């Protein structure tokens, strides 16, 4: 069985829609999701065809926040948690500085 991607991207007439794709966890922000989101935002920043970005969530919720199960399973080890939050900060800054609404 193939695992679904963390993030889906659709382009339609200048609108780039990024859909968080972990509905079973209410699209919680796991490290893989954050990495995929940061990469997609970087691509969109340089994509002249994309004029607007929409962030959406698959399923019944947009995003529940950080994946607490992932944090718990890491034992809250600083070697895991610090890079996780650094990645999250990078994503938030990428959103703020994205040259498209």
N, C-alpha and C. Protein backbone atom coordinates (compact mmCIF):
# COMPACT_ATOMS: atom_id res chain seq x y z
N UNK A 1 0.83 -1.18 0.00
CA UNK A 1 0.00 0.00 0.00
C UNK A 1 0.88 1.25 0.00
N UNK A 2 0.62 2.17 -0.91
CA UNK A 2 1.38 3.39 -1.04
C UNK A 2 0.83 4.45 -0.08
N UNK A 3 1.74 5.10 0.61
CA UNK A 3 1.35 6.15 1.55
C UNK A 3 1.00 7.41 0.76
N UNK A 4 -0.09 8.05 1.12
CA UNK A 4 -0.52 9.28 0.46
C UNK A 4 0.47 10.40 0.75
N UNK A 5 0.65 11.32 -0.19
CA UNK A 5 1.56 12.44 0.07
C UNK A 5 1.02 13.34 1.17
N UNK A 6 1.93 13.97 1.91
CA UNK A 6 1.55 14.88 2.98
C UNK A 6 0.84 16.12 2.45
N UNK A 7 1.15 16.49 1.22
CA UNK A 7 0.67 17.74 0.68
C UNK A 7 0.27 17.54 -0.78
N UNK A 8 -0.86 18.10 -1.15
CA UNK A 8 -1.32 18.04 -2.53
C UNK A 8 -1.26 19.46 -3.10
N UNK A 9 -0.90 19.55 -4.38
CA UNK A 9 -0.88 20.87 -5.04
C UNK A 9 -1.73 20.80 -6.31
N UNK A 10 -2.56 21.81 -6.46
CA UNK A 10 -3.38 21.94 -7.66
C UNK A 10 -3.18 23.35 -8.20
N UNK A 11 -3.05 23.46 -9.50
CA UNK A 11 -2.92 24.76 -10.15
C UNK A 11 -4.10 24.95 -11.08
N UNK A 12 -4.77 26.09 -10.95
CA UNK A 12 -5.93 26.35 -11.79
C UNK A 12 -6.02 27.85 -12.06
N UNK A 13 -5.73 28.25 -13.26
CA UNK A 13 -5.87 29.64 -13.71
C UNK A 13 -5.18 30.62 -12.76
N UNK A 14 -3.94 30.35 -12.42
CA UNK A 14 -3.16 31.25 -11.59
C UNK A 14 -3.34 31.06 -10.10
N UNK A 15 -4.21 30.14 -9.71
CA UNK A 15 -4.44 29.86 -8.29
C UNK A 15 -3.76 28.54 -7.93
N UNK A 16 -2.79 28.61 -7.03
CA UNK A 16 -2.12 27.42 -6.53
C UNK A 16 -2.76 27.04 -5.20
N UNK A 17 -3.36 25.86 -5.14
CA UNK A 17 -3.97 25.39 -3.90
C UNK A 17 -3.10 24.30 -3.31
N UNK A 18 -2.67 24.52 -2.08
CA UNK A 18 -1.91 23.52 -1.32
C UNK A 18 -2.85 22.94 -0.28
N UNK A 19 -3.04 21.62 -0.33
CA UNK A 19 -3.96 20.96 0.60
C UNK A 19 -3.17 20.06 1.54
N UNK A 20 -3.23 20.37 2.82
CA UNK A 20 -2.63 19.50 3.84
C UNK A 20 -3.39 18.19 3.77
N UNK A 21 -2.67 17.07 3.66
CA UNK A 21 -3.31 15.80 3.33
C UNK A 21 -3.06 14.71 4.39
N UNK A 22 -3.42 15.02 5.62
CA UNK A 22 -3.38 14.02 6.69
C UNK A 22 -4.70 14.09 7.45
N UNK A 23 -5.82 13.83 6.75
CA UNK A 23 -7.12 14.00 7.41
C UNK A 23 -7.31 13.10 8.62
N UNK A 24 -6.63 11.96 8.66
CA UNK A 24 -6.78 11.05 9.80
C UNK A 24 -6.24 11.66 11.09
N UNK A 25 -5.34 12.66 10.97
CA UNK A 25 -4.80 13.34 12.15
C UNK A 25 -5.22 14.81 12.16
N UNK A 26 -6.30 15.10 11.45
CA UNK A 26 -6.78 16.48 11.32
C UNK A 26 -5.70 17.40 10.78
N UNK A 27 -4.89 16.83 9.86
CA UNK A 27 -3.83 17.56 9.16
C UNK A 27 -2.81 18.16 10.13
N UNK A 28 -2.50 17.40 11.17
CA UNK A 28 -1.52 17.89 12.14
C UNK A 28 -0.14 18.01 11.47
N UNK A 29 0.65 18.92 12.00
CA UNK A 29 1.93 19.29 11.40
C UNK A 29 3.05 18.36 11.85
N UNK A 30 3.22 17.28 11.13
CA UNK A 30 4.35 16.37 11.33
C UNK A 30 5.55 16.95 10.58
N UNK A 31 6.72 16.48 10.90
CA UNK A 31 7.94 16.98 10.26
C UNK A 31 7.85 16.84 8.74
N UNK A 32 7.41 15.70 8.25
CA UNK A 32 7.30 15.50 6.80
C UNK A 32 6.35 16.49 6.15
N UNK A 33 5.26 16.79 6.83
CA UNK A 33 4.30 17.76 6.30
C UNK A 33 4.95 19.14 6.22
N UNK A 34 5.66 19.54 7.26
CA UNK A 34 6.31 20.85 7.27
C UNK A 34 7.36 20.95 6.17
N UNK A 35 8.13 19.90 5.97
CA UNK A 35 9.14 19.90 4.93
C UNK A 35 8.50 20.01 3.54
N UNK A 36 7.42 19.27 3.33
CA UNK A 36 6.73 19.33 2.04
C UNK A 36 6.12 20.71 1.82
N UNK A 37 5.58 21.30 2.86
CA UNK A 37 4.97 22.61 2.75
C UNK A 37 6.01 23.68 2.44
N UNK A 38 7.14 23.61 3.10
CA UNK A 38 8.21 24.60 2.85
C UNK A 38 8.71 24.49 1.41
N UNK A 39 8.90 23.26 0.93
CA UNK A 39 9.36 23.06 -0.45
C UNK A 39 8.34 23.58 -1.46
N UNK A 40 7.07 23.31 -1.21
CA UNK A 40 6.02 23.77 -2.13
C UNK A 40 5.93 25.29 -2.14
N UNK A 41 6.06 25.92 -1.00
CA UNK A 41 6.02 27.39 -0.94
C UNK A 41 7.21 28.00 -1.70
N UNK A 42 8.36 27.37 -1.59
CA UNK A 42 9.54 27.85 -2.32
C UNK A 42 9.32 27.73 -3.83
N UNK A 43 8.73 26.64 -4.26
CA UNK A 43 8.42 26.46 -5.69
C UNK A 43 7.44 27.52 -6.16
N UNK A 44 6.39 27.75 -5.39
CA UNK A 44 5.36 28.72 -5.77
C UNK A 44 5.93 30.14 -5.81
N UNK A 45 6.84 30.45 -4.91
CA UNK A 45 7.44 31.78 -4.88
C UNK A 45 8.09 32.12 -6.21
N UNK A 46 8.66 31.12 -6.86
CA UNK A 46 9.32 31.34 -8.14
C UNK A 46 8.48 30.99 -9.36
N UNK A 47 7.26 30.61 -9.16
CA UNK A 47 6.37 30.19 -10.24
C UNK A 47 5.59 31.40 -10.75
N UNK A 48 5.95 31.90 -11.94
CA UNK A 48 5.29 33.09 -12.48
C UNK A 48 3.83 32.83 -12.83
N UNK A 49 3.46 31.58 -13.06
CA UNK A 49 2.07 31.27 -13.38
C UNK A 49 1.16 31.30 -12.16
N UNK A 50 1.72 31.12 -10.98
CA UNK A 50 0.93 31.16 -9.74
C UNK A 50 0.84 32.60 -9.26
N UNK A 51 -0.37 33.11 -9.19
CA UNK A 51 -0.58 34.50 -8.76
C UNK A 51 -1.14 34.58 -7.34
N UNK A 52 -1.81 33.51 -6.90
CA UNK A 52 -2.47 33.47 -5.59
C UNK A 52 -2.25 32.08 -5.00
N UNK A 53 -2.16 32.00 -3.68
CA UNK A 53 -1.99 30.71 -3.01
C UNK A 53 -3.13 30.53 -2.00
N UNK A 54 -3.72 29.35 -2.03
CA UNK A 54 -4.73 28.97 -1.05
C UNK A 54 -4.19 27.80 -0.26
N UNK A 55 -4.24 27.89 1.07
CA UNK A 55 -3.91 26.76 1.94
C UNK A 55 -5.22 26.15 2.40
N UNK A 56 -5.33 24.84 2.23
CA UNK A 56 -6.56 24.13 2.58
C UNK A 56 -6.19 22.86 3.35
N UNK A 57 -7.19 22.25 3.95
CA UNK A 57 -6.99 21.00 4.67
C UNK A 57 -7.94 19.94 4.16
N UNK A 58 -7.45 18.73 3.98
CA UNK A 58 -8.31 17.61 3.57
C UNK A 58 -9.13 17.15 4.77
N UNK A 59 -10.34 16.72 4.52
CA UNK A 59 -11.18 16.18 5.59
C UNK A 59 -11.92 17.26 6.35
N UNK A 60 -12.17 16.98 7.63
CA UNK A 60 -13.06 17.81 8.43
C UNK A 60 -12.39 18.98 9.14
N UNK A 61 -11.07 19.09 9.05
CA UNK A 61 -10.36 20.17 9.76
C UNK A 61 -9.26 20.74 8.89
N UNK A 62 -8.99 22.03 9.06
CA UNK A 62 -7.87 22.63 8.33
C UNK A 62 -6.56 22.09 8.88
N UNK A 63 -6.30 22.33 10.16
CA UNK A 63 -5.04 21.89 10.77
C UNK A 63 -5.18 21.93 12.29
N UNK A 64 -4.83 20.82 12.93
CA UNK A 64 -4.95 20.71 14.38
C UNK A 64 -3.73 21.26 15.12
N UNK A 65 -2.73 21.75 14.39
CA UNK A 65 -1.50 22.20 15.03
C UNK A 65 -0.44 21.12 14.93
N UNK A 66 0.51 21.15 15.84
CA UNK A 66 1.59 20.16 15.80
C UNK A 66 1.06 18.75 16.05
N UNK A 67 1.74 17.79 15.48
CA UNK A 67 1.40 16.38 15.67
C UNK A 67 1.91 15.95 17.05
N UNK A 68 1.01 15.94 18.02
CA UNK A 68 1.40 15.62 19.40
C UNK A 68 1.84 14.18 19.54
N UNK A 69 1.29 13.29 18.74
CA UNK A 69 1.73 11.89 18.78
C UNK A 69 3.19 11.78 18.34
N UNK A 70 3.55 12.49 17.29
CA UNK A 70 4.94 12.50 16.83
C UNK A 70 5.87 13.05 17.92
N UNK A 71 5.45 14.13 18.58
CA UNK A 71 6.25 14.69 19.66
C UNK A 71 6.39 13.69 20.81
N UNK A 72 5.29 13.06 21.18
CA UNK A 72 5.31 12.07 22.26
C UNK A 72 6.23 10.91 21.90
N UNK A 73 6.09 10.39 20.69
CA UNK A 73 6.90 9.24 20.26
C UNK A 73 8.39 9.57 20.22
N UNK A 74 8.72 10.85 20.06
CA UNK A 74 10.13 11.25 20.06
C UNK A 74 10.69 11.31 21.47
N UNK A 75 9.81 11.17 22.46
CA UNK A 75 10.24 11.29 23.85
C UNK A 75 10.55 12.74 24.21
N UNK A 76 10.06 13.66 23.39
CA UNK A 76 10.31 15.09 23.58
C UNK A 76 11.81 15.38 23.64
N UNK A 77 12.57 14.56 22.91
CA UNK A 77 14.02 14.69 22.86
C UNK A 77 14.40 15.97 22.12
N UNK A 78 15.22 16.79 22.72
CA UNK A 78 15.61 18.07 22.12
C UNK A 78 16.24 17.89 20.75
N UNK A 79 16.93 16.78 20.54
CA UNK A 79 17.56 16.53 19.25
C UNK A 79 16.52 16.37 18.13
N UNK A 80 15.31 16.03 18.50
CA UNK A 80 14.23 15.92 17.52
C UNK A 80 13.34 17.17 17.55
N UNK A 81 13.01 17.63 18.73
CA UNK A 81 12.05 18.72 18.88
C UNK A 81 12.59 20.05 18.37
N UNK A 82 13.85 20.36 18.65
CA UNK A 82 14.39 21.64 18.20
C UNK A 82 14.40 21.78 16.68
N UNK A 83 14.86 20.78 15.93
CA UNK A 83 14.77 20.89 14.46
C UNK A 83 13.32 20.93 13.95
N UNK A 84 12.41 20.24 14.64
CA UNK A 84 11.00 20.26 14.26
C UNK A 84 10.45 21.68 14.35
N UNK A 85 10.70 22.35 15.47
CA UNK A 85 10.19 23.70 15.64
C UNK A 85 10.94 24.70 14.75
N UNK A 86 12.20 24.44 14.47
CA UNK A 86 12.94 25.29 13.53
C UNK A 86 12.32 25.18 12.14
N UNK A 87 11.95 23.97 11.73
CA UNK A 87 11.29 23.77 10.44
C UNK A 87 9.95 24.49 10.41
N UNK A 88 9.21 24.41 11.49
CA UNK A 88 7.93 25.10 11.58
C UNK A 88 8.13 26.61 11.45
N UNK A 89 9.12 27.15 12.11
CA UNK A 89 9.40 28.58 12.01
C UNK A 89 9.75 28.97 10.58
N UNK A 90 10.51 28.13 9.89
CA UNK A 90 10.85 28.39 8.48
C UNK A 90 9.59 28.42 7.61
N UNK A 91 8.67 27.50 7.86
CA UNK A 91 7.41 27.48 7.09
C UNK A 91 6.61 28.75 7.35
N UNK A 92 6.49 29.14 8.59
CA UNK A 92 5.72 30.33 8.91
C UNK A 92 6.34 31.57 8.27
N UNK A 93 7.66 31.66 8.28
CA UNK A 93 8.34 32.78 7.63
C UNK A 93 8.17 32.72 6.11
N UNK A 94 8.16 31.53 5.54
CA UNK A 94 7.94 31.38 4.10
C UNK A 94 6.56 31.88 3.72
N UNK A 95 5.58 31.62 4.57
CA UNK A 95 4.21 32.11 4.31
C UNK A 95 4.18 33.64 4.39
N UNK A 96 4.77 34.20 5.43
CA UNK A 96 4.76 35.64 5.62
C UNK A 96 5.47 36.36 4.48
N UNK A 97 6.56 35.79 3.99
CA UNK A 97 7.38 36.46 2.97
C UNK A 97 7.05 36.00 1.54
N UNK A 98 6.07 35.18 1.38
CA UNK A 98 5.69 34.72 0.04
C UNK A 98 5.27 35.93 -0.79
N UNK A 99 5.81 36.10 -2.00
CA UNK A 99 5.52 37.30 -2.78
C UNK A 99 4.16 37.22 -3.51
N UNK A 100 3.26 36.42 -3.01
CA UNK A 100 1.93 36.28 -3.60
C UNK A 100 0.91 36.23 -2.47
N UNK A 101 -0.27 36.79 -2.72
CA UNK A 101 -1.29 36.73 -1.67
C UNK A 101 -1.86 35.33 -1.51
